[in-house]
Amino acid sequence: MTLVTDTAMVMAAGLGKRMRPLTASQPKPLVRVAGRALIDHALDRLRDAGVARAVVNVHYLADALEAHVLGRDAPAVTISDERDALLETGGGMVRAHAAGLLPDPFYCVNADSIWLDGPRNAFIDLSKHWDAERMDALLLLVPHSRARNFAGAGDFTMDPAGRLKRRLSGRVAPYIYTGIQLVGHRLLREPPARAFSTNVLWNRAIEEGRLFGTVFTGEWLEVGEPRHVAATEAYLAGG
């Protein structure tokens, strides 16, 4: 199985408020876990999977983050500059798309995602199930049993065809979004102005029956708060 694209966008422009005080003087993607910056864990996985290009958006303490990622050999990094305004996840993708940096489709990865591949790597999992005729985006999901450091109620339910719906209020949903997805340009059409969350685009895709998911075959670790750093390091040390 080959990858459907050679490019990923790595979302790295956020303020990292939940990770304070570790982000008081550094952007969250540079917080170190197991001896590596968080963003390097994601970029290493992209490199190992054969993804050749990474578009990294920057905003908070952008100079430090830009200098760090441009020092890598692989994947080849291009910066999507958001120093002028924080655009959130949806707005960040739209800006990079408007600048001609993203092919159709492209992978999108949160800079703080840490995962351990299963029988197939994350990007093969997505490529294997991608169908541009039916899908605007394909989200990589994990069940609660393979989500470490996660204490929430879950994000999505999924029908037998893979179509996603939001968790109902007050209910537990079986699947958690890993921060990794495969996105078609159709998802980005007619976006709201400036800053907005990808959730706006996903909600439209859900209404149109075009938001899909596939279950990751590996393990995923949330690293959203300072206390998750030590827990993640302990888990990774155990193999």
C-alpha atoms as a PDB file:
ATOM      1  CA  MET A   1       0.000   0.000   0.000  1.00  0.00           C
ATOM      2  CA  THR A   2       1.377   3.413  -0.952  1.00  0.00           C
ATOM      3  CA  LEU A   3       0.659   6.830   0.499  1.00  0.00           C
ATOM      4  CA  VAL A   4      -1.957   8.908  -1.304  1.00  0.00           C
ATOM      5  CA  THR A   5       0.057  12.115  -0.824  1.00  0.00           C
ATOM      6  CA  ASP A   6       3.612  13.127   0.030  1.00  0.00           C
ATOM      7  CA  THR A   7       2.640  16.189   2.100  1.00  0.00           C
ATOM      8  CA  ALA A   8       1.352  16.816   5.612  1.00  0.00           C
ATOM      9  CA  MET A   9       0.399  19.987   7.416  1.00  0.00           C
ATOM     10  CA  VAL A  10       1.582  20.074  11.032  1.00  0.00           C
ATOM     11  CA  MET A  11      -0.575  22.324  13.203  1.00  0.00           C
ATOM     12  CA  ALA A  12       1.855  24.161  15.488  1.00  0.00           C
ATOM     13  CA  ALA A  13       0.533  27.720  15.887  1.00  0.00           C
ATOM     14  CA  GLY A  14      -1.534  27.391  19.061  1.00  0.00           C
ATOM     15  CA  LEU A  15      -0.901  29.181  22.350  1.00  0.00           C
ATOM     16  CA  GLY A  16      -0.586  25.987  24.423  1.00  0.00           C
ATOM     17  CA  LYS A  17      -2.639  27.366  27.321  1.00  0.00           C
ATOM     18  CA  ARG A  18      -3.386  23.940  28.826  1.00  0.00           C
ATOM     19  CA  MET A  19       0.350  23.203  28.969  1.00  0.00           C
ATOM     20  CA  ARG A  20       1.235  26.230  31.128  1.00  0.00           C
ATOM     21  CA  PRO A  21       3.609  26.900  32.855  1.00  0.00           C
ATOM     22  CA  LEU A  22       5.744  24.850  30.426  1.00  0.00           C
ATOM     23  CA  THR A  23       4.644  27.128  27.587  1.00  0.00           C
ATOM     24  CA  ALA A  24       5.323  30.426  29.322  1.00  0.00           C
ATOM     25  CA  SER A  25       8.659  30.766  27.498  1.00  0.00           C
ATOM     26  CA  GLN A  26       8.420  28.218  24.683  1.00  0.00           C
ATOM     27  CA  PRO A  27       5.757  27.105  22.201  1.00  0.00           C
ATOM     28  CA  LYS A  28       4.041  23.851  23.085  1.00  0.00           C
ATOM     29  CA  PRO A  29       5.537  21.966  20.102  1.00  0.00           C
ATOM     30  CA  LEU A  30       9.002  22.492  21.634  1.00  0.00           C
ATOM     31  CA  VAL A  31       8.106  20.995  25.035  1.00  0.00           C
ATOM     32  CA  ARG A  32      10.373  17.996  25.420  1.00  0.00           C
ATOM     33  CA  VAL A  33       9.017  14.502  25.984  1.00  0.00           C
ATOM     34  CA  ALA A  34      11.401  11.547  26.239  1.00  0.00           C
ATOM     35  CA  GLY A  35      14.296  13.715  25.120  1.00  0.00           C
ATOM     36  CA  ARG A  36      12.598  15.047  21.985  1.00  0.00           C
ATOM     37  CA  ALA A  37      10.515  18.115  21.236  1.00  0.00           C
ATOM     38  CA  LEU A  38       6.850  17.213  20.809  1.00  0.00           C
ATOM     39  CA  ILE A  39       6.877  18.333  17.186  1.00  0.00           C
ATOM     40  CA  ASP A  40       9.857  16.102  16.445  1.00  0.00           C
ATOM     41  CA  HIS A  41       7.881  13.049  17.542  1.00  0.00           C
ATOM     42  CA  ALA A  42       5.295  13.922  14.863  1.00  0.00           C
ATOM     43  CA  LEU A  43       7.857  14.868  12.212  1.00  0.00           C
ATOM     44  CA  ASP A  44       9.836  11.690  12.867  1.00  0.00           C
ATOM     45  CA  ARG A  45       6.708   9.604  12.258  1.00  0.00           C
ATOM     46  CA  LEU A  46       6.060  11.482   9.018  1.00  0.00           C
ATOM     47  CA  ARG A  47       9.642  10.882   7.898  1.00  0.00           C
ATOM     48  CA  ASP A  48       9.533   7.194   8.799  1.00  0.00           C
ATOM     49  CA  ALA A  49       6.267   6.751   6.873  1.00  0.00           C
ATOM     50  CA  GLY A  50       7.773   8.298   3.740  1.00  0.00           C
ATOM     51  CA  VAL A  51       5.969  11.652   3.874  1.00  0.00           C
ATOM     52  CA  ALA A  52       8.446  13.935   2.114  1.00  0.00           C
ATOM     53  CA  ARG A  53       7.064  17.425   2.868  1.00  0.00           C
ATOM     54  CA  ALA A  54       5.713  19.055   6.004  1.00  0.00           C
ATOM     55  CA  VAL A  55       3.990  22.448   6.092  1.00  0.00           C
ATOM     56  CA  VAL A  56       4.318  23.816   9.635  1.00  0.00           C
ATOM     57  CA  ASN A  57       2.230  26.816  10.699  1.00  0.00           C
ATOM     58  CA  VAL A  58       3.683  29.183  13.309  1.00  0.00           C
ATOM     59  CA  HIS A  59       2.321  31.976  15.497  1.00  0.00           C
ATOM     60  CA  TYR A  60       3.183  31.873  19.218  1.00  0.00           C
ATOM     61  CA  LEU A  61       6.941  32.363  19.785  1.00  0.00           C
ATOM     62  CA  ALA A  62       7.262  31.689  16.082  1.00  0.00           C
ATOM     63  CA  ASP A  63      10.965  32.472  15.717  1.00  0.00           C
ATOM     64  CA  ALA A  64      12.040  29.672  18.056  1.00  0.00           C
ATOM     65  CA  LEU A  65       9.737  27.132  16.465  1.00  0.00           C
ATOM     66  CA  GLU A  66      10.691  28.099  12.930  1.00  0.00           C
ATOM     67  CA  ALA A  67      14.418  27.863  13.681  1.00  0.00           C
ATOM     68  CA  HIS A  68      13.920  24.427  15.228  1.00  0.00           C
ATOM     69  CA  VAL A  69      11.959  22.794  12.413  1.00  0.00           C
ATOM     70  CA  LEU A  70      14.005  24.327   9.594  1.00  0.00           C
ATOM     71  CA  GLY A  71      17.048  22.632  11.084  1.00  0.00           C
ATOM     72  CA  ARG A  72      15.683  19.200  10.133  1.00  0.00           C
ATOM     73  CA  ASP A  73      16.743  17.225   7.079  1.00  0.00           C
ATOM     74  CA  ALA A  74      13.536  15.242   6.656  1.00  0.00           C
ATOM     75  CA  PRO A  75      10.759  15.766   6.014  1.00  0.00           C
ATOM     76  CA  ALA A  76      11.468  18.964   4.106  1.00  0.00           C
ATOM     77  CA  VAL A  77       9.739  21.758   6.057  1.00  0.00           C
ATOM     78  CA  THR A  78       7.904  24.770   4.637  1.00  0.00           C
ATOM     79  CA  ILE A  79       6.633  27.452   7.006  1.00  0.00           C
ATOM     80  CA  SER A  80       3.087  28.801   6.834  1.00  0.00           C
ATOM     81  CA  ASP A  81       3.478  32.120   8.642  1.00  0.00           C
ATOM     82  CA  GLU A  82       0.629  33.192  10.936  1.00  0.00           C
ATOM     83  CA  ARG A  83       2.586  35.723  12.987  1.00  0.00           C
ATOM     84  CA  ASP A  84       0.102  38.442  12.077  1.00  0.00           C
ATOM     85  CA  ALA A  85      -2.920  36.692  13.598  1.00  0.00           C
ATOM     86  CA  LEU A  86      -3.843  33.428  15.274  1.00  0.00           C
ATOM     87  CA  LEU A  87      -6.099  31.715  12.734  1.00  0.00           C
ATOM     88  CA  GLU A  88      -7.032  28.559  14.698  1.00  0.00           C
ATOM     89  CA  THR A  89      -6.951  25.153  13.046  1.00  0.00           C
ATOM     90  CA  GLY A  90      -9.408  25.742  10.225  1.00  0.00           C
ATOM     91  CA  GLY A  91      -8.085  29.166   9.367  1.00  0.00           C
ATOM     92  CA  GLY A  92      -4.543  27.825   9.402  1.00  0.00           C
ATOM     93  CA  MET A  93      -5.344  25.146   6.846  1.00  0.00           C
ATOM     94  CA  VAL A  94      -7.177  27.642   4.646  1.00  0.00           C
ATOM     95  CA  ARG A  95      -4.208  30.041   4.640  1.00  0.00           C
ATOM     96  CA  ALA A  96      -1.750  27.292   3.694  1.00  0.00           C
ATOM     97  CA  HIS A  97      -4.121  26.079   0.988  1.00  0.00           C
ATOM     98  CA  ALA A  98      -4.557  29.608  -0.414  1.00  0.00           C
ATOM     99  CA  ALA A  99      -0.769  29.935  -0.572  1.00  0.00           C
ATOM    100  CA  GLY A 100      -0.575  26.813  -2.749  1.00  0.00           C
ATOM    101  CA  LEU A 101       1.295  24.782  -0.130  1.00  0.00           C
ATOM    102  CA  LEU A 102      -1.133  21.847   0.156  1.00  0.00           C
ATOM    103  CA  PRO A 103      -1.870  19.222  -2.519  1.00  0.00           C
ATOM    104  CA  ASP A 104      -5.221  17.459  -2.791  1.00  0.00           C
ATOM    105  CA  PRO A 105      -5.449  15.520  -0.514  1.00  0.00           C
ATOM    106  CA  PHE A 106      -2.988  16.201   2.321  1.00  0.00           C
ATOM    107  CA  TYR A 107      -2.387  14.748   5.761  1.00  0.00           C
ATOM    108  CA  CYS A 108      -2.927  17.029   8.745  1.00  0.00           C
ATOM    109  CA  VAL A 109      -1.263  16.300  12.089  1.00  0.00           C
ATOM    110  CA  ASN A 110      -1.392  18.099  15.418  1.00  0.00           C
ATOM    111  CA  ALA A 111       2.114  19.037  16.557  1.00  0.00           C
ATOM    112  CA  ASP A 112       1.503  17.485  19.982  1.00  0.00           C
ATOM    113  CA  SER A 113       0.401  14.064  18.735  1.00  0.00           C
ATOM    114  CA  ILE A 114       2.404  11.098  20.018  1.00  0.00           C
ATOM    115  CA  TRP A 115       1.526   7.647  18.811  1.00  0.00           C
ATOM    116  CA  LEU A 116       2.962   4.169  18.392  1.00  0.00           C
ATOM    117  CA  ASP A 117       2.152   2.494  15.090  1.00  0.00           C
ATOM    118  CA  GLY A 118       0.429  -0.855  14.976  1.00  0.00           C
ATOM    119  CA  PRO A 119       0.604  -3.370  12.095  1.00  0.00           C
ATOM    120  CA  ARG A 120       0.273  -0.429   9.674  1.00  0.00           C
ATOM    121  CA  ASN A 121       1.555   3.083  10.196  1.00  0.00           C
ATOM    122  CA  ALA A 122      -0.958   5.879  10.685  1.00  0.00           C
ATOM    123  CA  PHE A 123      -0.623   7.248   7.162  1.00  0.00           C
ATOM    124  CA  ILE A 124      -1.044   3.849   5.519  1.00  0.00           C
ATOM    125  CA  ASP A 125      -4.177   3.396   7.662  1.00  0.00           C
ATOM    126  CA  LEU A 126      -5.584   6.618   6.237  1.00  0.00           C
ATOM    127  CA  SER A 127      -4.430   5.999   2.658  1.00  0.00           C
ATOM    128  CA  LYS A 128      -5.941   2.518   2.629  1.00  0.00           C
ATOM    129  CA  HIS A 129      -9.433   3.861   3.332  1.00  0.00           C
ATOM    130  CA  TRP A 130      -9.373   7.170   1.445  1.00  0.00           C
ATOM    131  CA  ASP A 131     -12.107   7.683  -1.155  1.00  0.00           C
ATOM    132  CA  ALA A 132     -12.094  11.185  -2.620  1.00  0.00           C
ATOM    133  CA  GLU A 133     -15.488  10.652  -4.275  1.00  0.00           C
ATOM    134  CA  ARG A 134     -17.237  10.117  -0.933  1.00  0.00           C
ATOM    135  CA  MET A 135     -15.038  11.917   1.605  1.00  0.00           C
ATOM    136  CA  ASP A 136     -14.118  15.477   2.472  1.00  0.00           C
ATOM    137  CA  ALA A 137     -11.948  14.318   5.360  1.00  0.00           C
ATOM    138  CA  LEU A 138     -10.945  10.990   6.901  1.00  0.00           C
ATOM    139  CA  LEU A 139     -10.123  11.106  10.620  1.00  0.00           C
ATOM    140  CA  LEU A 140      -7.862   8.640  12.403  1.00  0.00           C
ATOM    141  CA  LEU A 141      -9.620   7.467  15.576  1.00  0.00           C
ATOM    142  CA  VAL A 142      -8.789   5.296  18.565  1.00  0.00           C
ATOM    143  CA  PRO A 143     -11.074   3.522  21.025  1.00  0.00           C
ATOM    144  CA  HIS A 144     -10.762   4.400  24.698  1.00  0.00           C
ATOM    145  CA  SER A 145      -8.743   1.235  25.382  1.00  0.00           C
ATOM    146  CA  ARG A 146      -5.880   2.510  23.217  1.00  0.00           C
ATOM    147  CA  ALA A 147      -5.943   6.181  24.271  1.00  0.00           C
ATOM    148  CA  ARG A 148      -3.412   6.901  27.011  1.00  0.00           C
ATOM    149  CA  ASN A 149      -3.737   9.887  29.384  1.00  0.00           C
ATOM    150  CA  PHE A 150      -7.239  10.529  28.024  1.00  0.00           C
ATOM    151  CA  ALA A 151     -10.099  10.982  30.485  1.00  0.00           C
ATOM    152  CA  GLY A 152     -12.800  12.508  28.283  1.00  0.00           C
ATOM    153  CA  ALA A 153     -16.101  11.158  26.969  1.00  0.00           C
ATOM    154  CA  GLY A 154     -14.886  10.617  23.419  1.00  0.00           C
ATOM    155  CA  ASP A 155     -15.585  12.528  20.223  1.00  0.00           C
ATOM    156  CA  PHE A 156     -17.431  10.509  17.581  1.00  0.00           C
ATOM    157  CA  THR A 157     -19.683   7.602  16.797  1.00  0.00           C
ATOM    158  CA  MET A 158     -19.185   5.768  13.518  1.00  0.00           C
ATOM    159  CA  ASP A 159     -21.639   3.817  11.381  1.00  0.00           C
ATOM    160  CA  PRO A 160     -20.705   0.568   9.565  1.00  0.00           C
ATOM    161  CA  ALA A 161     -19.714   2.543   6.443  1.00  0.00           C
ATOM    162  CA  GLY A 162     -17.338   4.733   8.464  1.00  0.00           C
ATOM    163  CA  ARG A 163     -19.428   7.918   8.486  1.00  0.00           C
ATOM    164  CA  LEU A 164     -19.008   9.974  11.637  1.00  0.00           C
ATOM    165  CA  LYS A 165     -21.457  11.695  13.941  1.00  0.00           C
ATOM    166  CA  ARG A 166     -20.757  13.844  16.988  1.00  0.00           C
ATOM    167  CA  ARG A 167     -21.063  12.473  20.495  1.00  0.00           C
ATOM    168  CA  LEU A 168     -24.513  13.167  21.927  1.00  0.00           C
ATOM    169  CA  SER A 169     -24.623  15.478  24.935  1.00  0.00           C
ATOM    170  CA  GLY A 170     -24.307  13.559  28.170  1.00  0.00           C
ATOM    171  CA  ARG A 171     -23.262  10.360  26.410  1.00  0.00           C
ATOM    172  CA  VAL A 172     -19.936   8.587  25.936  1.00  0.00           C
ATOM    173  CA  ALA A 173     -18.711   8.149  22.366  1.00  0.00           C
ATOM    174  CA  PRO A 174     -16.597   5.106  21.480  1.00  0.00           C
ATOM    175  CA  TYR A 175     -13.959   6.905  19.414  1.00  0.00           C
ATOM    176  CA  ILE A 176     -11.416   9.623  20.126  1.00  0.00           C
ATOM    177  CA  TYR A 177      -9.836  11.815  17.454  1.00  0.00           C
ATOM    178  CA  THR A 178      -6.058  11.364  17.404  1.00  0.00           C
ATOM    179  CA  GLY A 179      -5.215  14.723  15.850  1.00  0.00           C
ATOM    180  CA  ILE A 180      -4.344  12.995  12.558  1.00  0.00           C
ATOM    181  CA  GLN A 181      -6.498  13.218   9.429  1.00  0.00           C
ATOM    182  CA  LEU A 182      -6.471  13.121   5.643  1.00  0.00           C
ATOM    183  CA  VAL A 183      -8.100  16.186   4.108  1.00  0.00           C
ATOM    184  CA  GLY A 184      -9.444  16.892   0.640  1.00  0.00           C
ATOM    185  CA  HIS A 185      -9.600  20.408  -0.743  1.00  0.00           C
ATOM    186  CA  ARG A 186     -13.398  20.164  -0.863  1.00  0.00           C
ATOM    187  CA  LEU A 187     -13.472  20.421   2.936  1.00  0.00           C
ATOM    188  CA  LEU A 188     -11.865  23.882   2.706  1.00  0.00           C
ATOM    189  CA  ARG A 189     -14.290  25.416   0.234  1.00  0.00           C
ATOM    190  CA  GLU A 190     -16.153  28.643   1.114  1.00  0.00           C
ATOM    191  CA  PRO A 191     -14.584  28.984   4.564  1.00  0.00           C
ATOM    192  CA  PRO A 192     -15.575  31.479   7.241  1.00  0.00           C
ATOM    193  CA  ALA A 193     -13.510  34.638   7.453  1.00  0.00           C
ATOM    194  CA  ARG A 194     -10.116  34.504   9.126  1.00  0.00           C
ATOM    195  CA  ALA A 195      -9.922  32.554  12.390  1.00  0.00           C
ATOM    196  CA  PHE A 196     -12.095  29.491  12.936  1.00  0.00           C
ATOM    197  CA  SER A 197     -11.899  25.905  14.139  1.00  0.00           C
ATOM    198  CA  THR A 198     -11.783  22.875  11.861  1.00  0.00           C
ATOM    199  CA  ASN A 199     -14.927  21.815  13.732  1.00  0.00           C
ATOM    200  CA  VAL A 200     -16.883  24.270  11.565  1.00  0.00           C
ATOM    201  CA  LEU A 201     -15.804  22.412   8.431  1.00  0.00           C
ATOM    202  CA  TRP A 202     -16.327  18.999  10.002  1.00  0.00           C
ATOM    203  CA  ASN A 203     -19.876  19.912  11.012  1.00  0.00           C
ATOM    204  CA  ARG A 204     -20.713  20.787   7.422  1.00  0.00           C
ATOM    205  CA  ALA A 205     -19.145  17.545   6.218  1.00  0.00           C
ATOM    206  CA  ILE A 206     -21.186  15.583   8.775  1.00  0.00           C
ATOM    207  CA  GLU A 207     -24.388  17.190   7.508  1.00  0.00           C
ATOM    208  CA  GLU A 208     -23.448  16.220   3.957  1.00  0.00           C
ATOM    209  CA  GLY A 209     -22.461  12.668   4.978  1.00  0.00           C
ATOM    210  CA  ARG A 210     -18.840  13.269   3.946  1.00  0.00           C
ATOM    211  CA  LEU A 211     -16.905  13.079   7.233  1.00  0.00           C
ATOM    212  CA  PHE A 212     -15.451   9.604   7.713  1.00  0.00           C
ATOM    213  CA  GLY A 213     -13.234   7.831  10.190  1.00  0.00           C
ATOM    214  CA  THR A 214     -10.987   4.816  10.355  1.00  0.00           C
ATOM    215  CA  VAL A 215      -9.735   3.075  13.490  1.00  0.00           C
ATOM    216  CA  PHE A 216      -5.999   3.315  14.123  1.00  0.00           C
ATOM    217  CA  THR A 217      -4.206   0.008  14.638  1.00  0.00           C
ATOM    218  CA  GLY A 218      -1.699   1.430  17.138  1.00  0.00           C
ATOM    219  CA  GLU A 219      -1.594   3.297  20.447  1.00  0.00           C
ATOM    220  CA  TRP A 220      -2.149   7.033  20.961  1.00  0.00           C
ATOM    221  CA  LEU A 221      -1.072   9.241  23.858  1.00  0.00           C
ATOM    222  CA  GLU A 222      -2.585  12.592  24.759  1.00  0.00           C
ATOM    223  CA  VAL A 223       0.002  15.181  25.835  1.00  0.00           C
ATOM    224  CA  GLY A 224      -2.212  18.138  26.622  1.00  0.00           C
ATOM    225  CA  GLU A 225      -1.186  19.052  30.182  1.00  0.00           C
ATOM    226  CA  PRO A 226       2.105  19.146  32.120  1.00  0.00           C
ATOM    227  CA  ARG A 227       1.165  16.025  34.084  1.00  0.00           C
ATOM    228  CA  HIS A 228       0.926  14.058  30.845  1.00  0.00           C
ATOM    229  CA  VAL A 229       4.637  14.507  30.120  1.00  0.00           C
ATOM    230  CA  ALA A 230       5.883  12.161  32.827  1.00  0.00           C
ATOM    231  CA  ALA A 231       3.090   9.666  32.191  1.00  0.00           C
ATOM    232  CA  THR A 232       3.931   9.588  28.489  1.00  0.00           C
ATOM    233  CA  GLU A 233       7.642   9.191  29.160  1.00  0.00           C
ATOM    234  CA  ALA A 234       6.931   6.272  31.478  1.00  0.00           C
ATOM    235  CA  TYR A 235       4.736   4.583  28.898  1.00  0.00           C
ATOM    236  CA  LEU A 236       7.268   5.071  26.094  1.00  0.00           C
ATOM    237  CA  ALA A 237      10.093   3.752  28.312  1.00  0.00           C
ATOM    238  CA  GLY A 238       8.089   0.583  28.786  1.00  0.00           C
ATOM    239  CA  GLY A 239       8.052  -0.038  25.037  1.00  0.00           C
END
